[in-house]
Amino acid sequence: MQDEWKQMHGRGMDNASREFKLHCVMHNIRKIVKVYFNSPSYHETVHQKEQLYKDTG
């Protein structure tokens, strides 16, 4: 997924700086989430939970 982020919406250096930092934080969070959901430990945990809840349902 691409943001298509082309310009700042805030006026002034302070607002533009805040907006850029927020954009960077969100970009890094997306990267972390992507790595986490593709990790073997995540898939193992989900599989264990499915087995646990399958027996109770």
N, C-alpha and C. Protein backbone atom coordinates (compact mmCIF):
# COMPACT_ATOMS: atom_id res chain seq x y z
N MET A 1 0.84 -1.18 0.00
CA MET A 1 0.00 0.00 0.00
C MET A 1 0.89 1.24 0.00
N GLN A 2 0.55 2.15 -0.86
CA GLN A 2 1.33 3.38 -0.96
C GLN A 2 0.48 4.55 -0.51
N ASP A 3 1.08 5.47 0.21
CA ASP A 3 0.34 6.60 0.77
C ASP A 3 -0.06 7.65 -0.26
N GLU A 4 0.74 7.79 -1.29
CA GLU A 4 0.57 8.86 -2.25
C GLU A 4 0.58 10.21 -1.55
N TRP A 5 1.52 10.36 -0.64
CA TRP A 5 1.71 11.58 0.14
C TRP A 5 2.56 12.52 -0.68
N LYS A 6 2.01 13.66 -1.08
CA LYS A 6 2.72 14.54 -2.00
C LYS A 6 3.04 15.90 -1.42
N GLN A 7 2.26 16.38 -0.47
CA GLN A 7 2.52 17.72 0.05
C GLN A 7 2.06 17.84 1.49
N MET A 8 2.61 18.84 2.16
CA MET A 8 2.23 19.11 3.55
C MET A 8 0.91 19.87 3.57
N HIS A 9 0.12 19.63 4.60
CA HIS A 9 -1.14 20.35 4.73
C HIS A 9 -1.04 21.49 5.74
N GLY A 10 -0.13 21.34 6.71
CA GLY A 10 0.03 22.38 7.71
C GLY A 10 0.89 23.53 7.20
N ARG A 11 0.64 24.72 7.71
CA ARG A 11 1.44 25.88 7.33
C ARG A 11 2.50 26.14 8.38
N GLY A 12 3.65 26.57 7.93
CA GLY A 12 4.74 26.90 8.84
C GLY A 12 5.63 25.70 9.10
N MET A 13 6.84 25.99 9.56
CA MET A 13 7.83 24.94 9.79
C MET A 13 7.41 24.01 10.93
N ASP A 14 6.83 24.54 12.00
CA ASP A 14 6.43 23.69 13.13
C ASP A 14 5.37 22.67 12.71
N ASN A 15 4.34 23.14 12.03
CA ASN A 15 3.27 22.23 11.60
C ASN A 15 3.75 21.25 10.55
N ALA A 16 4.56 21.71 9.62
CA ALA A 16 5.10 20.83 8.59
C ALA A 16 6.01 19.77 9.22
N SER A 17 6.80 20.18 10.19
CA SER A 17 7.69 19.24 10.88
C SER A 17 6.89 18.18 11.62
N ARG A 18 5.84 18.60 12.32
CA ARG A 18 4.97 17.64 13.02
C ARG A 18 4.31 16.67 12.06
N GLU A 19 3.84 17.20 10.95
CA GLU A 19 3.17 16.35 9.97
C GLU A 19 4.15 15.34 9.37
N PHE A 20 5.36 15.78 9.08
CA PHE A 20 6.36 14.87 8.52
C PHE A 20 6.72 13.78 9.53
N LYS A 21 6.89 14.15 10.80
CA LYS A 21 7.22 13.17 11.83
C LYS A 21 6.08 12.16 12.00
N LEU A 22 4.85 12.63 11.96
CA LEU A 22 3.70 11.73 12.06
C LEU A 22 3.68 10.76 10.88
N HIS A 23 3.95 11.26 9.69
CA HIS A 23 4.01 10.42 8.51
C HIS A 23 5.09 9.33 8.68
N CYS A 24 6.25 9.71 9.20
CA CYS A 24 7.34 8.75 9.41
C CYS A 24 6.97 7.70 10.44
N VAL A 25 6.32 8.12 11.52
CA VAL A 25 5.90 7.17 12.56
C VAL A 25 4.91 6.16 11.98
N MET A 26 3.93 6.64 11.24
CA MET A 26 2.94 5.75 10.66
C MET A 26 3.57 4.79 9.65
N HIS A 27 4.52 5.27 8.89
CA HIS A 27 5.23 4.42 7.93
C HIS A 27 5.95 3.29 8.67
N ASN A 28 6.63 3.62 9.76
CA ASN A 28 7.36 2.62 10.52
C ASN A 28 6.43 1.65 11.24
N ILE A 29 5.30 2.11 11.72
CA ILE A 29 4.33 1.22 12.35
C ILE A 29 3.81 0.21 11.33
N ARG A 30 3.51 0.68 10.13
CA ARG A 30 3.05 -0.23 9.08
C ARG A 30 4.09 -1.30 8.78
N LYS A 31 5.37 -0.90 8.74
CA LYS A 31 6.44 -1.86 8.48
C LYS A 31 6.52 -2.89 9.59
N ILE A 32 6.42 -2.46 10.84
CA ILE A 32 6.50 -3.38 11.98
C ILE A 32 5.32 -4.35 11.96
N VAL A 33 4.13 -3.85 11.70
CA VAL A 33 2.95 -4.71 11.66
C VAL A 33 3.07 -5.73 10.53
N LYS A 34 3.55 -5.31 9.39
CA LYS A 34 3.72 -6.21 8.25
C LYS A 34 4.69 -7.34 8.59
N VAL A 35 5.79 -7.01 9.24
CA VAL A 35 6.78 -8.03 9.62
C VAL A 35 6.17 -8.96 10.67
N TYR A 36 5.46 -8.40 11.63
CA TYR A 36 4.87 -9.21 12.70
C TYR A 36 3.85 -10.21 12.15
N PHE A 37 2.95 -9.76 11.29
CA PHE A 37 1.92 -10.65 10.78
C PHE A 37 2.47 -11.71 9.83
N ASN A 38 3.66 -11.50 9.30
CA ASN A 38 4.28 -12.50 8.44
C ASN A 38 5.27 -13.38 9.19
N SER A 39 5.42 -13.17 10.50
CA SER A 39 6.41 -13.92 11.28
C SER A 39 5.89 -15.32 11.64
N PRO A 40 6.79 -16.27 11.74
CA PRO A 40 6.39 -17.64 12.13
C PRO A 40 5.78 -17.68 13.53
N SER A 41 6.28 -16.85 14.46
CA SER A 41 5.73 -16.88 15.82
C SER A 41 4.27 -16.43 15.84
N TYR A 42 3.92 -15.47 15.01
CA TYR A 42 2.52 -15.04 14.93
C TYR A 42 1.64 -16.18 14.43
N HIS A 43 2.07 -16.83 13.35
CA HIS A 43 1.29 -17.91 12.78
C HIS A 43 1.17 -19.09 13.75
N GLU A 44 2.24 -19.35 14.49
CA GLU A 44 2.21 -20.42 15.49
C GLU A 44 1.21 -20.09 16.61
N THR A 45 1.21 -18.85 17.06
CA THR A 45 0.29 -18.42 18.11
C THR A 45 -1.15 -18.52 17.64
N VAL A 46 -1.41 -18.08 16.43
CA VAL A 46 -2.78 -18.14 15.89
C VAL A 46 -3.23 -19.59 15.78
N HIS A 47 -2.34 -20.46 15.32
CA HIS A 47 -2.68 -21.87 15.18
C HIS A 47 -3.00 -22.49 16.54
N GLN A 48 -2.20 -22.13 17.57
CA GLN A 48 -2.45 -22.65 18.91
C GLN A 48 -3.80 -22.18 19.43
N LYS A 49 -4.12 -20.91 19.22
CA LYS A 49 -5.40 -20.36 19.68
C LYS A 49 -6.56 -21.03 18.96
N GLU A 50 -6.40 -21.29 17.65
CA GLU A 50 -7.46 -21.95 16.91
C GLU A 50 -7.73 -23.33 17.47
N GLN A 51 -6.67 -24.06 17.81
CA GLN A 51 -6.84 -25.39 18.38
C GLN A 51 -7.51 -25.32 19.75
N LEU A 52 -7.13 -24.35 20.53
CA LEU A 52 -7.69 -24.18 21.87
C LEU A 52 -9.18 -23.89 21.79
N TYR A 53 -9.58 -22.97 20.93
CA TYR A 53 -10.98 -22.57 20.84
C TYR A 53 -11.83 -23.59 20.05
N LYS A 54 -11.19 -24.38 19.22
CA LYS A 54 -11.91 -25.41 18.48
C LYS A 54 -12.47 -26.46 19.45
N ASP A 55 -11.70 -26.77 20.49
CA ASP A 55 -12.12 -27.76 21.46
C ASP A 55 -13.25 -27.24 22.36
N THR A 56 -13.35 -25.94 22.56
CA THR A 56 -14.38 -25.39 23.44
C THR A 56 -15.67 -25.07 22.70
N GLY A 57 -15.62 -24.92 21.37
CA GLY A 57 -16.78 -24.49 20.62
C GLY A 57 -17.60 -25.62 20.18
